[in-house]
Amino acid sequence: MREELLREVEQFLYREARLLDERRFHEWLELFTDDVRYWMVGRTTRYPTASKAITTMNRHRHRETDVASDDGDLAILDETKATLGGRIARLDTGMAWAEDPPSRTRHIIANIEVEPGDSASELNVYSNFVVYRNRSESEQDFYVGARQDTLRNVDGGWKIARRKLVLDQNVLLAKNVSIFF
């Protein structure tokens, strides 16, 4: 992978984070393709099959992965561009009580890796994130996890065609998930 392509992707992701932190949600939404899937899952606690902690485990039902699959497992978020746009429109009304007063966020993106995608116009991008959220006087939340993005070149610029967010937490302590990642 060319070093300049990696730098271009990094700058794209950093700009996206800045748009979110500055609450420029309409501009942020334009970074997505019309057919985007924006999907967030958590992790579950799984014991290895060799574990002695649970001796009655039905080994036929055991899954090695602690991350939900794409095909029907429960998701925290499962959005399209239209539903993301609906959430933004709701924020614009001033009637989104979970965001009144608005959250302050800081998106930290790191460990960015870029690989060729399924087509010549796509890239698979892997990164880690920390999102800090503060609201009112005392509400604070940290979200930590990994992102798997598919970036598609559309008219000479990158757009997010797919985003899978995997939270490291298996229990969310936040009162809601009203921010964007």
N, C-alpha and C. Protein backbone atom coordinates (compact mmCIF):
# COMPACT_ATOMS: atom_id res chain seq x y z
N MET A 1 0.85 -1.17 0.00
CA MET A 1 0.00 0.00 0.00
C MET A 1 0.90 1.24 0.00
N ARG A 2 0.58 2.16 -0.86
CA ARG A 2 1.37 3.38 -0.95
C ARG A 2 1.25 4.21 0.33
N GLU A 3 2.37 4.79 0.72
CA GLU A 3 2.40 5.62 1.93
C GLU A 3 1.48 6.83 1.79
N GLU A 4 1.42 7.41 0.60
CA GLU A 4 0.55 8.58 0.39
C GLU A 4 -0.93 8.21 0.48
N LEU A 5 -1.29 6.98 0.10
CA LEU A 5 -2.67 6.53 0.23
C LEU A 5 -3.04 6.37 1.70
N LEU A 6 -2.13 5.80 2.48
CA LEU A 6 -2.36 5.68 3.92
C LEU A 6 -2.58 7.06 4.53
N ARG A 7 -1.74 8.00 4.18
CA ARG A 7 -1.85 9.37 4.70
C ARG A 7 -3.18 10.01 4.30
N GLU A 8 -3.61 9.77 3.07
CA GLU A 8 -4.89 10.30 2.59
C GLU A 8 -6.06 9.73 3.39
N VAL A 9 -6.02 8.43 3.67
CA VAL A 9 -7.08 7.78 4.45
C VAL A 9 -7.06 8.30 5.89
N GLU A 10 -5.87 8.43 6.46
CA GLU A 10 -5.77 8.97 7.83
C GLU A 10 -6.39 10.36 7.90
N GLN A 11 -6.07 11.21 6.94
CA GLN A 11 -6.61 12.58 6.95
C GLN A 11 -8.13 12.56 6.79
N PHE A 12 -8.66 11.67 5.99
CA PHE A 12 -10.11 11.52 5.83
C PHE A 12 -10.74 11.17 7.18
N LEU A 13 -10.17 10.19 7.90
CA LEU A 13 -10.73 9.76 9.18
C LEU A 13 -10.58 10.84 10.25
N TYR A 14 -9.47 11.55 10.24
CA TYR A 14 -9.28 12.63 11.22
C TYR A 14 -10.27 13.77 10.96
N ARG A 15 -10.52 14.08 9.70
CA ARG A 15 -11.50 15.12 9.38
C ARG A 15 -12.89 14.68 9.82
N GLU A 16 -13.21 13.42 9.60
CA GLU A 16 -14.51 12.90 10.05
C GLU A 16 -14.66 13.10 11.57
N ALA A 17 -13.61 12.76 12.33
CA ALA A 17 -13.65 12.91 13.78
C ALA A 17 -13.86 14.38 14.17
N ARG A 18 -13.19 15.28 13.47
CA ARG A 18 -13.34 16.71 13.77
C ARG A 18 -14.77 17.19 13.49
N LEU A 19 -15.35 16.74 12.38
CA LEU A 19 -16.73 17.11 12.07
C LEU A 19 -17.68 16.67 13.18
N LEU A 20 -17.47 15.46 13.69
CA LEU A 20 -18.33 14.97 14.79
C LEU A 20 -18.13 15.80 16.05
N ASP A 21 -16.87 16.06 16.40
CA ASP A 21 -16.59 16.81 17.62
C ASP A 21 -17.09 18.26 17.54
N GLU A 22 -17.17 18.79 16.34
CA GLU A 22 -17.69 20.15 16.15
C GLU A 22 -19.20 20.16 15.89
N ARG A 23 -19.82 18.99 15.97
CA ARG A 23 -21.27 18.81 15.78
C ARG A 23 -21.73 19.26 14.38
N ARG A 24 -20.90 19.06 13.40
CA ARG A 24 -21.22 19.40 12.00
C ARG A 24 -21.77 18.14 11.33
N PHE A 25 -22.93 17.71 11.83
CA PHE A 25 -23.48 16.41 11.47
C PHE A 25 -23.94 16.32 10.02
N HIS A 26 -24.43 17.40 9.45
CA HIS A 26 -24.86 17.35 8.04
C HIS A 26 -23.66 17.14 7.12
N GLU A 27 -22.55 17.81 7.41
CA GLU A 27 -21.33 17.60 6.63
C GLU A 27 -20.80 16.18 6.84
N TRP A 28 -20.89 15.68 8.08
CA TRP A 28 -20.44 14.32 8.39
C TRP A 28 -21.25 13.30 7.59
N LEU A 29 -22.54 13.51 7.49
CA LEU A 29 -23.40 12.56 6.77
C LEU A 29 -23.03 12.47 5.29
N GLU A 30 -22.51 13.55 4.75
CA GLU A 30 -22.11 13.54 3.34
C GLU A 30 -20.87 12.68 3.09
N LEU A 31 -20.20 12.23 4.14
CA LEU A 31 -19.05 11.35 3.98
C LEU A 31 -19.46 9.89 3.73
N PHE A 32 -20.77 9.60 3.74
CA PHE A 32 -21.27 8.25 3.55
C PHE A 32 -21.88 8.05 2.18
N THR A 33 -21.77 6.83 1.66
CA THR A 33 -22.45 6.48 0.42
C THR A 33 -23.94 6.31 0.72
N ASP A 34 -24.75 6.35 -0.33
CA ASP A 34 -26.20 6.19 -0.14
C ASP A 34 -26.57 4.80 0.35
N ASP A 35 -25.73 3.79 0.07
CA ASP A 35 -26.04 2.41 0.47
C ASP A 35 -25.28 1.96 1.71
N VAL A 36 -24.83 2.90 2.54
CA VAL A 36 -24.00 2.57 3.71
C VAL A 36 -24.75 1.69 4.71
N ARG A 37 -24.00 0.82 5.36
CA ARG A 37 -24.48 0.12 6.56
C ARG A 37 -23.55 0.55 7.69
N TYR A 38 -24.14 1.11 8.74
CA TYR A 38 -23.43 1.65 9.90
C TYR A 38 -23.91 0.80 11.07
N TRP A 39 -23.02 -0.04 11.56
CA TRP A 39 -23.43 -1.14 12.43
C TRP A 39 -22.53 -1.20 13.65
N MET A 40 -23.11 -1.28 14.85
CA MET A 40 -22.33 -1.36 16.09
C MET A 40 -22.77 -2.57 16.91
N VAL A 41 -21.78 -3.32 17.36
CA VAL A 41 -22.04 -4.46 18.24
C VAL A 41 -21.14 -4.35 19.46
N GLY A 42 -21.50 -5.08 20.48
CA GLY A 42 -20.66 -5.18 21.67
C GLY A 42 -19.99 -6.54 21.69
N ARG A 43 -19.36 -6.83 22.77
CA ARG A 43 -18.72 -8.13 22.95
C ARG A 43 -19.46 -8.89 24.04
N THR A 44 -19.32 -10.18 24.01
CA THR A 44 -19.87 -11.01 25.07
C THR A 44 -18.71 -11.74 25.74
N THR A 45 -18.92 -12.13 26.96
CA THR A 45 -17.89 -12.87 27.67
C THR A 45 -18.03 -14.34 27.29
N ARG A 46 -16.98 -14.90 26.77
CA ARG A 46 -16.99 -16.31 26.35
C ARG A 46 -15.85 -17.03 27.04
N TYR A 47 -16.12 -18.22 27.47
CA TYR A 47 -15.08 -19.07 28.03
C TYR A 47 -14.54 -19.97 26.93
N PRO A 48 -13.25 -20.22 26.90
CA PRO A 48 -12.71 -21.14 25.88
C PRO A 48 -13.26 -22.56 26.11
N THR A 49 -13.30 -23.34 25.05
CA THR A 49 -13.85 -24.70 25.18
C THR A 49 -13.07 -25.53 26.18
N ALA A 50 -11.80 -25.23 26.41
CA ALA A 50 -10.99 -25.99 27.35
C ALA A 50 -11.15 -25.49 28.79
N SER A 51 -11.96 -24.46 29.01
CA SER A 51 -12.10 -23.87 30.34
C SER A 51 -12.69 -24.86 31.33
N LYS A 52 -12.16 -24.84 32.53
CA LYS A 52 -12.70 -25.66 33.62
C LYS A 52 -13.70 -24.85 34.45
N ALA A 53 -13.86 -23.56 34.14
CA ALA A 53 -14.77 -22.71 34.90
C ALA A 53 -16.23 -23.12 34.68
N ILE A 54 -16.54 -23.57 33.50
CA ILE A 54 -17.91 -23.98 33.20
C ILE A 54 -17.83 -25.42 32.67
N THR A 55 -18.11 -26.34 33.51
CA THR A 55 -17.96 -27.75 33.11
C THR A 55 -19.21 -28.30 32.46
N THR A 56 -20.34 -27.60 32.57
CA THR A 56 -21.58 -28.13 32.00
C THR A 56 -21.90 -27.51 30.65
N MET A 57 -20.96 -26.78 30.08
CA MET A 57 -21.21 -26.10 28.82
C MET A 57 -21.50 -27.11 27.71
N ASN A 58 -22.52 -26.82 26.94
CA ASN A 58 -22.84 -27.63 25.78
C ASN A 58 -21.87 -27.24 24.67
N ARG A 59 -20.90 -28.08 24.40
CA ARG A 59 -19.84 -27.74 23.44
C ARG A 59 -20.37 -27.57 22.01
N HIS A 60 -21.54 -28.09 21.70
CA HIS A 60 -22.11 -27.93 20.36
C HIS A 60 -22.65 -26.51 20.14
N ARG A 61 -22.94 -25.79 21.21
CA ARG A 61 -23.46 -24.43 21.10
C ARG A 61 -22.36 -23.39 21.25
N HIS A 62 -21.15 -23.81 21.50
CA HIS A 62 -20.04 -22.89 21.77
C HIS A 62 -19.58 -22.18 20.49
N ARG A 63 -19.32 -20.86 20.62
CA ARG A 63 -18.72 -20.07 19.54
C ARG A 63 -17.42 -19.49 20.07
N GLU A 64 -16.39 -19.56 19.26
CA GLU A 64 -15.09 -19.04 19.69
C GLU A 64 -15.07 -17.52 19.74
N THR A 65 -15.78 -16.87 18.84
CA THR A 65 -15.71 -15.41 18.77
C THR A 65 -16.60 -14.76 19.82
N ASP A 66 -16.16 -13.62 20.33
CA ASP A 66 -16.97 -12.88 21.29
C ASP A 66 -17.67 -11.69 20.63
N VAL A 67 -17.60 -11.60 19.29
CA VAL A 67 -18.18 -10.50 18.54
C VAL A 67 -19.37 -11.02 17.74
N ALA A 68 -20.46 -10.27 17.75
CA ALA A 68 -21.65 -10.65 17.00
C ALA A 68 -21.35 -10.72 15.50
N SER A 69 -22.03 -11.60 14.82
CA SER A 69 -21.84 -11.75 13.38
C SER A 69 -22.75 -10.79 12.62
N ASP A 70 -22.51 -10.67 11.33
CA ASP A 70 -23.28 -9.76 10.48
C ASP A 70 -24.68 -10.28 10.16
N ASP A 71 -24.96 -11.52 10.44
CA ASP A 71 -26.18 -12.14 9.93
C ASP A 71 -27.21 -12.41 11.02
N GLY A 72 -27.67 -11.35 11.65
CA GLY A 72 -28.81 -11.50 12.53
C GLY A 72 -28.54 -11.44 14.02
N ASP A 73 -27.30 -11.39 14.46
CA ASP A 73 -27.04 -11.22 15.89
C ASP A 73 -27.48 -9.82 16.32
N LEU A 74 -27.75 -9.69 17.59
CA LEU A 74 -28.23 -8.43 18.15
C LEU A 74 -27.18 -7.33 17.99
N ALA A 75 -27.62 -6.17 17.52
CA ALA A 75 -26.74 -5.02 17.33
C ALA A 75 -27.18 -3.87 18.22
N ILE A 76 -26.25 -3.05 18.64
CA ILE A 76 -26.57 -1.84 19.39
C ILE A 76 -27.11 -0.79 18.42
N LEU A 77 -26.48 -0.67 17.26
CA LEU A 77 -26.94 0.20 16.18
C LEU A 77 -26.90 -0.59 14.88
N ASP A 78 -27.87 -0.38 14.04
CA ASP A 78 -27.87 -0.95 12.69
C ASP A 78 -28.58 0.06 11.81
N GLU A 79 -27.79 0.93 11.17
CA GLU A 79 -28.34 2.12 10.53
C GLU A 79 -28.02 2.17 9.03
N THR A 80 -28.82 2.96 8.35
CA THR A 80 -28.61 3.29 6.94
C THR A 80 -28.36 4.80 6.87
N LYS A 81 -28.09 5.30 5.69
CA LYS A 81 -27.91 6.75 5.56
C LYS A 81 -29.21 7.47 5.91
N ALA A 82 -30.34 6.88 5.54
CA ALA A 82 -31.64 7.50 5.85
C ALA A 82 -31.89 7.57 7.35
N THR A 83 -31.57 6.51 8.10
CA THR A 83 -31.82 6.55 9.54
C THR A 83 -30.82 7.46 10.24
N LEU A 84 -29.58 7.51 9.77
CA LEU A 84 -28.62 8.47 10.32
C LEU A 84 -29.12 9.89 10.07
N GLY A 85 -29.62 10.14 8.86
CA GLY A 85 -30.18 11.45 8.54
C GLY A 85 -31.37 11.79 9.42
N GLY A 86 -32.19 10.80 9.73
CA GLY A 86 -33.33 11.01 10.62
C GLY A 86 -32.89 11.39 12.03
N ARG A 87 -31.83 10.76 12.51
CA ARG A 87 -31.30 11.11 13.83
C ARG A 87 -30.78 12.55 13.84
N ILE A 88 -30.12 12.95 12.76
CA ILE A 88 -29.60 14.32 12.66
C ILE A 88 -30.77 15.31 12.58
N ALA A 89 -31.79 14.98 11.81
CA ALA A 89 -32.97 15.86 11.69
C ALA A 89 -33.64 16.03 13.06
N ARG A 90 -33.68 14.96 13.84
CA ARG A 90 -34.26 15.03 15.18
C ARG A 90 -33.44 15.97 16.07
N LEU A 91 -32.11 15.91 15.96
CA LEU A 91 -31.27 16.83 16.72
C LEU A 91 -31.56 18.28 16.34
N ASP A 92 -31.84 18.50 15.06
CA ASP A 92 -32.12 19.86 14.57
C ASP A 92 -33.41 20.44 15.15
N THR A 93 -34.33 19.60 15.60
CA THR A 93 -35.62 20.09 16.12
C THR A 93 -35.49 20.72 17.50
N GLY A 94 -34.41 20.40 18.24
CA GLY A 94 -34.31 20.86 19.61
C GLY A 94 -35.15 20.04 20.57
N MET A 95 -35.74 18.96 20.07
CA MET A 95 -36.61 18.11 20.89
C MET A 95 -35.97 16.76 21.21
N ALA A 96 -34.68 16.63 21.00
CA ALA A 96 -33.97 15.38 21.31
C ALA A 96 -33.46 15.50 22.75
N TRP A 97 -34.28 15.05 23.69
CA TRP A 97 -33.99 15.28 25.11
C TRP A 97 -32.70 14.62 25.56
N ALA A 98 -32.32 13.54 24.94
CA ALA A 98 -31.06 12.88 25.32
C ALA A 98 -29.85 13.73 24.95
N GLU A 99 -30.07 14.74 24.10
CA GLU A 99 -28.98 15.63 23.68
C GLU A 99 -29.30 17.09 23.98
N ASP A 100 -30.05 17.34 25.06
CA ASP A 100 -30.38 18.69 25.47
C ASP A 100 -30.07 18.83 26.95
N PRO A 101 -28.97 19.41 27.36
CA PRO A 101 -27.97 20.08 26.53
C PRO A 101 -27.16 19.07 25.72
N PRO A 102 -26.53 19.55 24.65
CA PRO A 102 -25.79 18.65 23.77
C PRO A 102 -24.56 18.05 24.43
N SER A 103 -24.22 16.86 23.99
CA SER A 103 -22.99 16.20 24.44
C SER A 103 -21.79 16.89 23.83
N ARG A 104 -20.71 16.88 24.56
CA ARG A 104 -19.41 17.28 24.03
C ARG A 104 -18.63 15.99 23.83
N THR A 105 -18.06 15.83 22.67
CA THR A 105 -17.34 14.59 22.38
C THR A 105 -15.92 14.87 21.92
N ARG A 106 -15.09 13.87 22.07
CA ARG A 106 -13.73 13.89 21.52
C ARG A 106 -13.49 12.50 20.95
N HIS A 107 -13.28 12.43 19.64
CA HIS A 107 -13.04 11.17 18.94
C HIS A 107 -11.55 11.02 18.69
N ILE A 108 -10.97 9.96 19.22
CA ILE A 108 -9.56 9.65 19.01
C ILE A 108 -9.50 8.41 18.12
N ILE A 109 -8.84 8.53 16.98
CA ILE A 109 -8.72 7.43 16.02
C ILE A 109 -7.25 7.05 15.95
N ALA A 110 -6.95 5.75 16.02
CA ALA A 110 -5.55 5.31 16.03
C ALA A 110 -5.41 3.95 15.36
N ASN A 111 -4.16 3.52 15.20
CA ASN A 111 -3.83 2.19 14.65
C ASN A 111 -4.52 1.95 13.30
N ILE A 112 -4.40 2.91 12.42
CA ILE A 112 -5.07 2.82 11.12
C ILE A 112 -4.28 1.92 10.19
N GLU A 113 -4.98 0.93 9.64
CA GLU A 113 -4.40 0.02 8.64
C GLU A 113 -5.28 0.06 7.40
N VAL A 114 -4.66 0.00 6.24
CA VAL A 114 -5.38 0.05 4.98
C VAL A 114 -5.00 -1.15 4.14
N GLU A 115 -6.02 -1.81 3.59
CA GLU A 115 -5.82 -2.96 2.70
C GLU A 115 -6.69 -2.78 1.46
N PRO A 116 -6.33 -3.43 0.36
CA PRO A 116 -7.20 -3.38 -0.82
C PRO A 116 -8.57 -3.96 -0.49
N GLY A 117 -9.60 -3.41 -1.12
CA GLY A 117 -10.96 -3.88 -0.90
C GLY A 117 -11.37 -4.93 -1.91
N ASP A 118 -12.67 -5.20 -1.95
CA ASP A 118 -13.21 -6.21 -2.85
C ASP A 118 -13.23 -5.76 -4.30
N SER A 119 -13.16 -4.47 -4.53
CA SER A 119 -13.10 -3.95 -5.90
C SER A 119 -11.99 -2.90 -5.97
N ALA A 120 -11.66 -2.50 -7.18
CA ALA A 120 -10.57 -1.54 -7.36
C ALA A 120 -10.90 -0.17 -6.76
N SER A 121 -12.19 0.14 -6.59
CA SER A 121 -12.57 1.45 -6.06
C SER A 121 -12.78 1.44 -4.54
N GLU A 122 -12.49 0.31 -3.88
CA GLU A 122 -12.73 0.21 -2.44
C GLU A 122 -11.48 -0.14 -1.66
N LEU A 123 -11.46 0.31 -0.42
CA LEU A 123 -10.40 -0.02 0.53
C LEU A 123 -11.03 -0.57 1.80
N ASN A 124 -10.37 -1.52 2.43
CA ASN A 124 -10.74 -1.97 3.76
C ASN A 124 -9.83 -1.25 4.74
N VAL A 125 -10.43 -0.57 5.71
CA VAL A 125 -9.68 0.24 6.66
C VAL A 125 -10.02 -0.23 8.07
N TYR A 126 -8.99 -0.52 8.84
CA TYR A 126 -9.14 -0.97 10.22
C TYR A 126 -8.56 0.10 11.13
N SER A 127 -9.25 0.41 12.22
CA SER A 127 -8.74 1.40 13.16
C SER A 127 -9.32 1.12 14.54
N ASN A 128 -8.71 1.73 15.53
CA ASN A 128 -9.21 1.68 16.90
C ASN A 128 -9.71 3.06 17.26
N PHE A 129 -10.64 3.12 18.21
CA PHE A 129 -11.18 4.41 18.61
C PHE A 129 -11.40 4.48 20.11
N VAL A 130 -11.32 5.71 20.61
CA VAL A 130 -11.78 6.06 21.94
C VAL A 130 -12.66 7.29 21.73
N VAL A 131 -13.87 7.22 22.22
CA VAL A 131 -14.77 8.37 22.17
C VAL A 131 -15.11 8.76 23.60
N TYR A 132 -14.77 9.99 23.94
CA TYR A 132 -15.11 10.54 25.24
C TYR A 132 -16.35 11.40 25.05
N ARG A 133 -17.32 11.22 25.93
CA ARG A 133 -18.56 12.01 25.88
C ARG A 133 -18.78 12.64 27.25
N ASN A 134 -19.06 13.95 27.26
CA ASN A 134 -19.38 14.66 28.48
C ASN A 134 -20.65 15.44 28.24
N ARG A 135 -21.54 15.41 29.20
CA ARG A 135 -22.81 16.13 29.06
C ARG A 135 -23.24 16.63 30.44
N SER A 136 -23.84 17.79 30.46
CA SER A 136 -24.25 18.43 31.71
C SER A 136 -23.04 18.59 32.62
N GLU A 137 -23.25 18.53 33.91
CA GLU A 137 -22.13 18.72 34.83
C GLU A 137 -21.39 17.43 35.14
N SER A 138 -22.09 16.30 35.14
CA SER A 138 -21.47 15.10 35.70
C SER A 138 -21.52 13.86 34.81
N GLU A 139 -22.19 13.91 33.68
CA GLU A 139 -22.25 12.72 32.83
C GLU A 139 -20.97 12.58 32.02
N GLN A 140 -20.30 11.45 32.16
CA GLN A 140 -19.10 11.15 31.39
C GLN A 140 -19.16 9.71 30.93
N ASP A 141 -18.84 9.48 29.69
CA ASP A 141 -18.80 8.12 29.15
C ASP A 141 -17.57 7.97 28.28
N PHE A 142 -17.00 6.79 28.31
CA PHE A 142 -15.94 6.41 27.39
C PHE A 142 -16.43 5.22 26.58
N TYR A 143 -16.22 5.29 25.30
CA TYR A 143 -16.50 4.16 24.41
C TYR A 143 -15.17 3.79 23.76
N VAL A 144 -14.80 2.54 23.84
CA VAL A 144 -13.52 2.08 23.31
C VAL A 144 -13.79 0.89 22.41
N GLY A 145 -13.14 0.84 21.26
CA GLY A 145 -13.35 -0.30 20.39
C GLY A 145 -12.57 -0.23 19.10
N ALA A 146 -13.02 -1.04 18.16
CA ALA A 146 -12.39 -1.16 16.84
C ALA A 146 -13.41 -0.83 15.76
N ARG A 147 -12.91 -0.31 14.65
CA ARG A 147 -13.77 -0.03 13.49
C ARG A 147 -13.24 -0.81 12.30
N GLN A 148 -14.16 -1.30 11.51
CA GLN A 148 -13.83 -1.91 10.23
C GLN A 148 -14.65 -1.16 9.19
N ASP A 149 -13.97 -0.36 8.39
CA ASP A 149 -14.63 0.46 7.38
C ASP A 149 -14.33 -0.04 5.99
N THR A 150 -15.29 0.13 5.12
CA THR A 150 -15.06 0.00 3.68
C THR A 150 -15.20 1.40 3.11
N LEU A 151 -14.10 1.92 2.56
CA LEU A 151 -14.13 3.23 1.90
C LEU A 151 -14.23 3.00 0.41
N ARG A 152 -15.09 3.78 -0.23
CA ARG A 152 -15.29 3.68 -1.67
C ARG A 152 -14.95 5.01 -2.32
N ASN A 153 -14.20 4.95 -3.41
CA ASN A 153 -13.88 6.15 -4.16
C ASN A 153 -15.09 6.52 -5.01
N VAL A 154 -15.66 7.69 -4.73
CA VAL A 154 -16.83 8.18 -5.45
C VAL A 154 -16.48 9.56 -6.00
N ASP A 155 -16.45 9.68 -7.30
CA ASP A 155 -16.15 10.96 -7.97
C ASP A 155 -14.84 11.57 -7.47
N GLY A 156 -13.83 10.73 -7.27
CA GLY A 156 -12.50 11.20 -6.89
C GLY A 156 -12.29 11.44 -5.41
N GLY A 157 -13.29 11.15 -4.57
CA GLY A 157 -13.15 11.33 -3.13
C GLY A 157 -13.62 10.09 -2.38
N TRP A 158 -13.17 9.94 -1.15
CA TRP A 158 -13.53 8.78 -0.36
C TRP A 158 -14.87 8.99 0.34
N LYS A 159 -15.65 7.91 0.40
CA LYS A 159 -16.89 7.88 1.16
C LYS A 159 -16.93 6.56 1.92
N ILE A 160 -17.61 6.57 3.04
CA ILE A 160 -17.74 5.36 3.86
C ILE A 160 -18.93 4.56 3.34
N ALA A 161 -18.65 3.35 2.86
CA ALA A 161 -19.69 2.48 2.33
C ALA A 161 -20.17 1.47 3.36
N ARG A 162 -19.35 1.21 4.36
CA ARG A 162 -19.72 0.27 5.42
C ARG A 162 -18.87 0.59 6.64
N ARG A 163 -19.50 0.57 7.80
CA ARG A 163 -18.77 0.74 9.05
C ARG A 163 -19.30 -0.27 10.05
N LYS A 164 -18.40 -1.08 10.55
CA LYS A 164 -18.72 -1.99 11.66
C LYS A 164 -17.91 -1.52 12.86
N LEU A 165 -18.62 -1.18 13.92
CA LEU A 165 -18.00 -0.74 15.17
C LEU A 165 -18.14 -1.87 16.17
N VAL A 166 -17.04 -2.24 16.80
CA VAL A 166 -17.05 -3.30 17.81
C VAL A 166 -16.59 -2.69 19.13
N LEU A 167 -17.52 -2.53 20.05
CA LEU A 167 -17.18 -1.99 21.36
C LEU A 167 -16.48 -3.05 22.19
N ASP A 168 -15.49 -2.64 22.94
CA ASP A 168 -14.82 -3.59 23.84
C ASP A 168 -15.64 -3.86 25.09
N GLN A 169 -16.50 -2.92 25.47
CA GLN A 169 -17.36 -3.14 26.63
C GLN A 169 -18.43 -4.18 26.28
N ASN A 170 -18.75 -5.05 27.23
CA ASN A 170 -19.90 -5.92 26.99
C ASN A 170 -21.12 -5.43 27.77
N VAL A 171 -20.94 -4.42 28.61
CA VAL A 171 -22.05 -3.76 29.28
C VAL A 171 -21.83 -2.26 29.14
N LEU A 172 -22.80 -1.57 28.56
CA LEU A 172 -22.71 -0.12 28.43
C LEU A 172 -23.26 0.54 29.68
N LEU A 173 -22.48 1.40 30.28
CA LEU A 173 -22.91 2.11 31.47
C LEU A 173 -23.55 3.46 31.13
N ALA A 174 -23.45 3.87 29.88
CA ALA A 174 -24.03 5.14 29.45
C ALA A 174 -25.56 5.07 29.52
N LYS A 175 -26.18 6.23 29.76
CA LYS A 175 -27.64 6.28 29.83
C LYS A 175 -28.29 6.08 28.48
N ASN A 176 -27.57 6.40 27.41
CA ASN A 176 -28.10 6.24 26.06
C ASN A 176 -26.94 6.20 25.07
N VAL A 177 -27.26 5.88 23.85
CA VAL A 177 -26.28 5.91 22.76
C VAL A 177 -26.80 6.92 21.74
N SER A 178 -26.67 8.20 22.09
CA SER A 178 -27.25 9.26 21.27
C SER A 178 -26.21 9.98 20.42
N ILE A 179 -24.95 9.58 20.54
CA ILE A 179 -23.89 10.24 19.76
C ILE A 179 -23.54 9.37 18.57
N PHE A 180 -22.71 9.91 17.70
CA PHE A 180 -22.24 9.19 16.53
C PHE A 180 -20.80 8.79 16.73
N PHE A 181 -20.40 7.72 16.10
CA PHE A 181 -19.07 7.17 16.26
C PHE A 181 -18.31 7.22 14.95
